[in-house]
Amino acid sequence: MMQVEGTITTLHDNAACVAAALTPDNLRSMETRAEGGRVVTTITGTQLRSVIASVDDYLMNLAVAEDACSLTAKTDR
């Protein structure tokens, strides 16, 4: 059986906030962590279509998390 794995790394002003916002939506096949100013997410699966669908969902969630954390940072000032 084929194993598919991909890692997405993105840069953020508040990576810890973004990672924390993403983690509740993670599937069992996903791991998200903050590393300094980066959010690193690894997605694994046995079917390429499932991994692609997970990446698509993750990217939508990432956009929402980034917006939410940006708004939070602005109100904290």
Protein backbone atom coordinates (compact mmCIF):
# COMPACT_ATOMS: atom_id res chain seq x y z
CA MET A 1 0.00 0.00 0.00
CA MET A 2 1.31 3.43 -0.94
CA GLN A 3 1.91 6.00 1.80
CA VAL A 4 1.58 9.67 0.82
CA GLU A 5 3.05 12.39 3.03
CA GLY A 6 3.34 16.12 2.57
CA THR A 7 4.54 18.96 4.74
CA ILE A 8 3.30 22.54 4.47
CA THR A 9 5.38 25.29 6.07
CA THR A 10 4.08 28.86 6.29
CA LEU A 11 5.44 32.03 7.90
CA HIS A 12 3.34 34.04 10.37
CA ASP A 13 3.77 36.97 12.74
CA ASN A 14 1.99 34.92 15.43
CA ALA A 15 2.69 31.30 14.50
CA ALA A 16 1.68 29.96 17.92
CA CYS A 17 -1.79 31.52 17.56
CA VAL A 18 -2.24 30.19 14.02
CA ALA A 19 -1.12 26.67 14.98
CA ALA A 20 -3.43 26.68 18.01
CA ALA A 21 -6.35 27.81 15.84
CA LEU A 22 -5.68 25.06 13.28
CA THR A 23 -5.13 22.12 15.63
CA PRO A 24 -8.80 21.50 16.63
CA ASP A 25 -9.71 20.95 12.96
CA ASN A 26 -6.88 18.50 12.30
CA LEU A 27 -7.75 14.98 11.24
CA ARG A 28 -5.91 12.04 12.79
CA SER A 29 -3.65 12.05 9.74
CA MET A 30 -2.48 15.63 10.39
CA GLU A 31 0.04 17.14 12.78
CA THR A 32 0.43 20.91 13.20
CA ARG A 33 3.04 22.71 15.28
CA ALA A 34 4.58 26.15 15.63
CA GLU A 35 8.34 26.43 15.16
CA GLY A 36 9.44 29.99 15.80
CA GLY A 37 7.68 32.13 13.20
CA ARG A 38 6.57 29.14 11.14
CA VAL A 39 3.59 26.82 11.22
CA VAL A 40 4.50 23.32 10.06
CA THR A 41 1.78 20.82 9.18
CA THR A 42 2.36 17.27 8.01
CA ILE A 43 -0.46 15.39 6.32
CA THR A 44 -0.29 11.65 5.65
CA GLY A 45 -2.58 9.14 4.02
CA THR A 46 -2.78 6.07 1.86
CA GLN A 47 -4.74 7.64 -1.00
CA LEU A 48 -3.51 10.66 -2.92
CA ARG A 49 -7.04 12.00 -3.43
CA SER A 50 -7.67 12.01 0.32
CA VAL A 51 -4.41 13.83 1.01
CA ILE A 52 -5.20 16.42 -1.68
CA ALA A 53 -8.67 16.96 -0.17
CA SER A 54 -7.09 17.35 3.28
CA VAL A 55 -4.60 19.90 1.94
CA ASP A 56 -7.44 21.85 0.32
CA ASP A 57 -9.42 21.92 3.59
CA TYR A 58 -6.30 22.82 5.55
CA LEU A 59 -5.52 25.79 3.30
CA MET A 60 -9.04 27.18 3.80
CA ASN A 61 -8.69 26.73 7.58
CA LEU A 62 -5.24 28.34 7.44
CA ALA A 63 -6.65 31.48 5.81
CA VAL A 64 -9.33 31.77 8.51
CA ALA A 65 -6.82 31.13 11.31
CA GLU A 66 -4.43 33.75 9.93
CA ASP A 67 -7.22 36.32 9.72
CA ALA A 68 -8.43 35.55 13.25
CA CYS A 69 -4.93 35.79 14.71
CA SER A 70 -4.25 39.03 12.84
CA LEU A 71 -7.44 40.56 14.25
CA THR A 72 -6.55 39.37 17.74
CA ALA A 73 -3.09 40.89 17.47
CA LYS A 74 -4.55 44.23 16.37
CA THR A 75 -6.97 44.37 19.31
CA ASP A 76 -4.17 43.51 21.77
CA ARG A 77 -2.23 46.66 20.83
